[in-house]
Amino acid sequence: MAAGEERRSASSTPSTPCWQLEDFVVAQECGRCSSFQAKTVPECGPTGFVERISCTASKRDEFKSCRSAVLEAHIFWRFVGTMMCVAAVFAVLVVCRQRVLDRKALEKVRKQIESI
């Protein structure tokens, strides 16, 4: 019975990454996956970035998907720039619309004064 339990725990260990179960050390910082890694390492799929993890208790090296801080900053500033451009366009549209409404109001007042 103990051999069956050992077999079950040994078979369940590969499906669960060691970094979820025990302490780990980052052996290689987060970096972009190479074309070879993208095809062979499933952790590259979600983000395109991976870091190598060294688990302390089991002494295994595994890969972990990660998000690049540089890429995140680039995406953030692109978003901010896009929102600033959209805000500028709508500000110009508001000013133009206000001028049109002001002209219509002045024309209406002028017609009322002429009819007196």
C-alpha atoms as a PDB file:
ATOM      1  CA  MET A   1       0.000   0.000   0.000  1.00  0.00           C
ATOM      2  CA  ALA A   2       2.881   2.391   0.711  1.00  0.00           C
ATOM      3  CA  ALA A   3       4.359   1.656  -2.728  1.00  0.00           C
ATOM      4  CA  GLY A   4       1.037   2.623  -4.336  1.00  0.00           C
ATOM      5  CA  GLU A   5       0.988   5.912  -2.427  1.00  0.00           C
ATOM      6  CA  GLU A   6       4.588   6.592  -3.467  1.00  0.00           C
ATOM      7  CA  ARG A   7       3.708   5.906  -7.082  1.00  0.00           C
ATOM      8  CA  ARG A   8       0.698   8.250  -6.904  1.00  0.00           C
ATOM      9  CA  SER A   9       2.698  11.079  -5.321  1.00  0.00           C
ATOM     10  CA  ALA A  10       5.522  10.600  -7.805  1.00  0.00           C
ATOM     11  CA  SER A  11       3.103  10.699 -10.734  1.00  0.00           C
ATOM     12  CA  SER A  12       1.302  13.800  -9.412  1.00  0.00           C
ATOM     13  CA  THR A  13       4.534  15.748  -8.855  1.00  0.00           C
ATOM     14  CA  PRO A  14       5.384  16.345 -12.547  1.00  0.00           C
ATOM     15  CA  SER A  15       1.905  17.741 -13.252  1.00  0.00           C
ATOM     16  CA  THR A  16       2.238  20.347 -10.468  1.00  0.00           C
ATOM     17  CA  PRO A  17       5.199  22.720 -10.848  1.00  0.00           C
ATOM     18  CA  CYS A  18       7.634  22.598  -7.940  1.00  0.00           C
ATOM     19  CA  TRP A  19       7.486  26.385  -7.497  1.00  0.00           C
ATOM     20  CA  GLN A  20       3.833  26.098  -6.437  1.00  0.00           C
ATOM     21  CA  LEU A  21       4.642  23.566  -3.715  1.00  0.00           C
ATOM     22  CA  GLU A  22       7.979  24.685  -2.259  1.00  0.00           C
ATOM     23  CA  ASP A  23      10.411  27.582  -1.945  1.00  0.00           C
ATOM     24  CA  PHE A  24      12.353  28.525  -5.041  1.00  0.00           C
ATOM     25  CA  VAL A  25      15.112  30.800  -6.290  1.00  0.00           C
ATOM     26  CA  VAL A  26      14.994  32.614  -9.621  1.00  0.00           C
ATOM     27  CA  ALA A  27      17.948  31.192 -11.554  1.00  0.00           C
ATOM     28  CA  GLN A  28      17.404  33.314 -14.675  1.00  0.00           C
ATOM     29  CA  GLU A  29      15.429  36.541 -14.779  1.00  0.00           C
ATOM     30  CA  CYS A  30      12.342  36.999 -16.932  1.00  0.00           C
ATOM     31  CA  GLY A  31      13.252  37.119 -20.602  1.00  0.00           C
ATOM     32  CA  ARG A  32      11.674  36.751 -24.023  1.00  0.00           C
ATOM     33  CA  CYS A  33      11.306  33.172 -25.247  1.00  0.00           C
ATOM     34  CA  SER A  34      13.411  32.162 -28.221  1.00  0.00           C
ATOM     35  CA  SER A  35      11.659  30.649 -31.233  1.00  0.00           C
ATOM     36  CA  PHE A  36      12.831  27.199 -30.109  1.00  0.00           C
ATOM     37  CA  GLN A  37      11.543  27.739 -26.558  1.00  0.00           C
ATOM     38  CA  ALA A  38       8.222  29.025 -27.880  1.00  0.00           C
ATOM     39  CA  LYS A  39       7.709  25.680 -29.624  1.00  0.00           C
ATOM     40  CA  THR A  40       9.052  23.392 -26.885  1.00  0.00           C
ATOM     41  CA  VAL A  41       8.328  25.093 -23.543  1.00  0.00           C
ATOM     42  CA  PRO A  42       4.575  25.304 -22.792  1.00  0.00           C
ATOM     43  CA  GLU A  43       5.142  28.098 -20.236  1.00  0.00           C
ATOM     44  CA  CYS A  44       6.115  30.444 -23.093  1.00  0.00           C
ATOM     45  CA  GLY A  45       2.576  30.346 -24.472  1.00  0.00           C
ATOM     46  CA  PRO A  46       0.637  32.749 -22.237  1.00  0.00           C
ATOM     47  CA  THR A  47       3.018  35.734 -22.209  1.00  0.00           C
ATOM     48  CA  GLY A  48       5.952  34.968 -24.501  1.00  0.00           C
ATOM     49  CA  PHE A  49       8.288  35.477 -21.535  1.00  0.00           C
ATOM     50  CA  VAL A  50       9.764  32.871 -19.219  1.00  0.00           C
ATOM     51  CA  GLU A  51      12.052  32.709 -16.193  1.00  0.00           C
ATOM     52  CA  ARG A  52      14.012  29.717 -14.949  1.00  0.00           C
ATOM     53  CA  ILE A  53      13.199  28.640 -11.395  1.00  0.00           C
ATOM     54  CA  SER A  54      15.374  26.467  -9.167  1.00  0.00           C
ATOM     55  CA  CYS A  55      13.375  24.719  -6.448  1.00  0.00           C
ATOM     56  CA  THR A  56      15.269  24.403  -3.174  1.00  0.00           C
ATOM     57  CA  ALA A  57      13.861  21.172  -1.716  1.00  0.00           C
ATOM     58  CA  SER A  58      13.638  19.029  -4.855  1.00  0.00           C
ATOM     59  CA  LYS A  59      16.672  20.626  -6.584  1.00  0.00           C
ATOM     60  CA  ARG A  60      14.727  20.798  -9.866  1.00  0.00           C
ATOM     61  CA  ASP A  61      15.014  23.482 -12.510  1.00  0.00           C
ATOM     62  CA  GLU A  62      11.741  24.458 -14.146  1.00  0.00           C
ATOM     63  CA  PHE A  63      10.395  27.278 -16.272  1.00  0.00           C
ATOM     64  CA  LYS A  64       7.739  29.709 -15.100  1.00  0.00           C
ATOM     65  CA  SER A  65       5.735  32.101 -17.261  1.00  0.00           C
ATOM     66  CA  CYS A  66       6.278  35.753 -16.343  1.00  0.00           C
ATOM     67  CA  ARG A  67       5.486  39.270 -17.519  1.00  0.00           C
ATOM     68  CA  SER A  68       8.265  41.584 -18.650  1.00  0.00           C
ATOM     69  CA  ALA A  69       8.394  44.899 -16.774  1.00  0.00           C
ATOM     70  CA  VAL A  70       9.852  46.652 -19.822  1.00  0.00           C
ATOM     71  CA  LEU A  71       7.077  45.379 -22.070  1.00  0.00           C
ATOM     72  CA  GLU A  72       4.425  46.299 -19.496  1.00  0.00           C
ATOM     73  CA  ALA A  73       5.842  49.842 -19.243  1.00  0.00           C
ATOM     74  CA  HIS A  74       5.872  50.151 -23.044  1.00  0.00           C
ATOM     75  CA  ILE A  75       2.243  49.021 -23.267  1.00  0.00           C
ATOM     76  CA  PHE A  76       1.251  51.415 -20.460  1.00  0.00           C
ATOM     77  CA  TRP A  77       2.865  54.460 -22.095  1.00  0.00           C
ATOM     78  CA  ARG A  78       1.377  53.559 -25.480  1.00  0.00           C
ATOM     79  CA  PHE A  79      -2.036  53.448 -23.785  1.00  0.00           C
ATOM     80  CA  VAL A  80      -1.442  56.822 -22.088  1.00  0.00           C
ATOM     81  CA  GLY A  81      -0.344  58.358 -25.405  1.00  0.00           C
ATOM     82  CA  THR A  82      -3.392  56.988 -27.186  1.00  0.00           C
ATOM     83  CA  MET A  83      -5.718  58.350 -24.513  1.00  0.00           C
ATOM     84  CA  MET A  84      -4.045  61.781 -24.701  1.00  0.00           C
ATOM     85  CA  CYS A  85      -4.553  61.837 -28.483  1.00  0.00           C
ATOM     86  CA  VAL A  86      -8.189  60.811 -28.137  1.00  0.00           C
ATOM     87  CA  ALA A  87      -8.721  63.489 -25.470  1.00  0.00           C
ATOM     88  CA  ALA A  88      -7.144  66.134 -27.724  1.00  0.00           C
ATOM     89  CA  VAL A  89      -9.360  65.138 -30.676  1.00  0.00           C
ATOM     90  CA  PHE A  90     -12.511  65.320 -28.577  1.00  0.00           C
ATOM     91  CA  ALA A  91     -11.435  68.645 -27.057  1.00  0.00           C
ATOM     92  CA  VAL A  92     -11.098  70.080 -30.580  1.00  0.00           C
ATOM     93  CA  LEU A  93     -14.519  68.668 -31.483  1.00  0.00           C
ATOM     94  CA  VAL A  94     -16.076  70.264 -28.383  1.00  0.00           C
ATOM     95  CA  VAL A  95     -14.548  73.656 -29.213  1.00  0.00           C
ATOM     96  CA  CYS A  96     -15.763  73.441 -32.821  1.00  0.00           C
ATOM     97  CA  ARG A  97     -19.259  72.425 -31.761  1.00  0.00           C
ATOM     98  CA  GLN A  98     -19.392  75.236 -29.198  1.00  0.00           C
ATOM     99  CA  ARG A  99     -18.439  77.776 -31.878  1.00  0.00           C
ATOM    100  CA  VAL A 100     -21.190  76.471 -34.176  1.00  0.00           C
ATOM    101  CA  LEU A 101     -23.752  76.732 -31.372  1.00  0.00           C
ATOM    102  CA  ASP A 102     -22.543  80.229 -30.456  1.00  0.00           C
ATOM    103  CA  ARG A 103     -22.909  81.352 -34.092  1.00  0.00           C
ATOM    104  CA  LYS A 104     -26.443  79.921 -34.241  1.00  0.00           C
ATOM    105  CA  ALA A 105     -27.364  81.683 -30.996  1.00  0.00           C
ATOM    106  CA  LEU A 106     -25.944  85.008 -32.238  1.00  0.00           C
ATOM    107  CA  GLU A 107     -27.785  84.633 -35.549  1.00  0.00           C
ATOM    108  CA  LYS A 108     -31.016  83.967 -33.689  1.00  0.00           C
ATOM    109  CA  VAL A 109     -30.513  87.045 -31.480  1.00  0.00           C
ATOM    110  CA  ARG A 110     -29.654  89.152 -34.545  1.00  0.00           C
ATOM    111  CA  LYS A 111     -32.872  88.056 -36.312  1.00  0.00           C
ATOM    112  CA  GLN A 112     -34.931  88.839 -33.220  1.00  0.00           C
ATOM    113  CA  ILE A 113     -33.398  92.323 -32.986  1.00  0.00           C
ATOM    114  CA  GLU A 114     -34.000  92.974 -36.705  1.00  0.00           C
ATOM    115  CA  SER A 115     -37.640  91.975 -36.407  1.00  0.00           C
ATOM    116  CA  ILE A 116     -38.242  94.624 -33.731  1.00  0.00           C
END
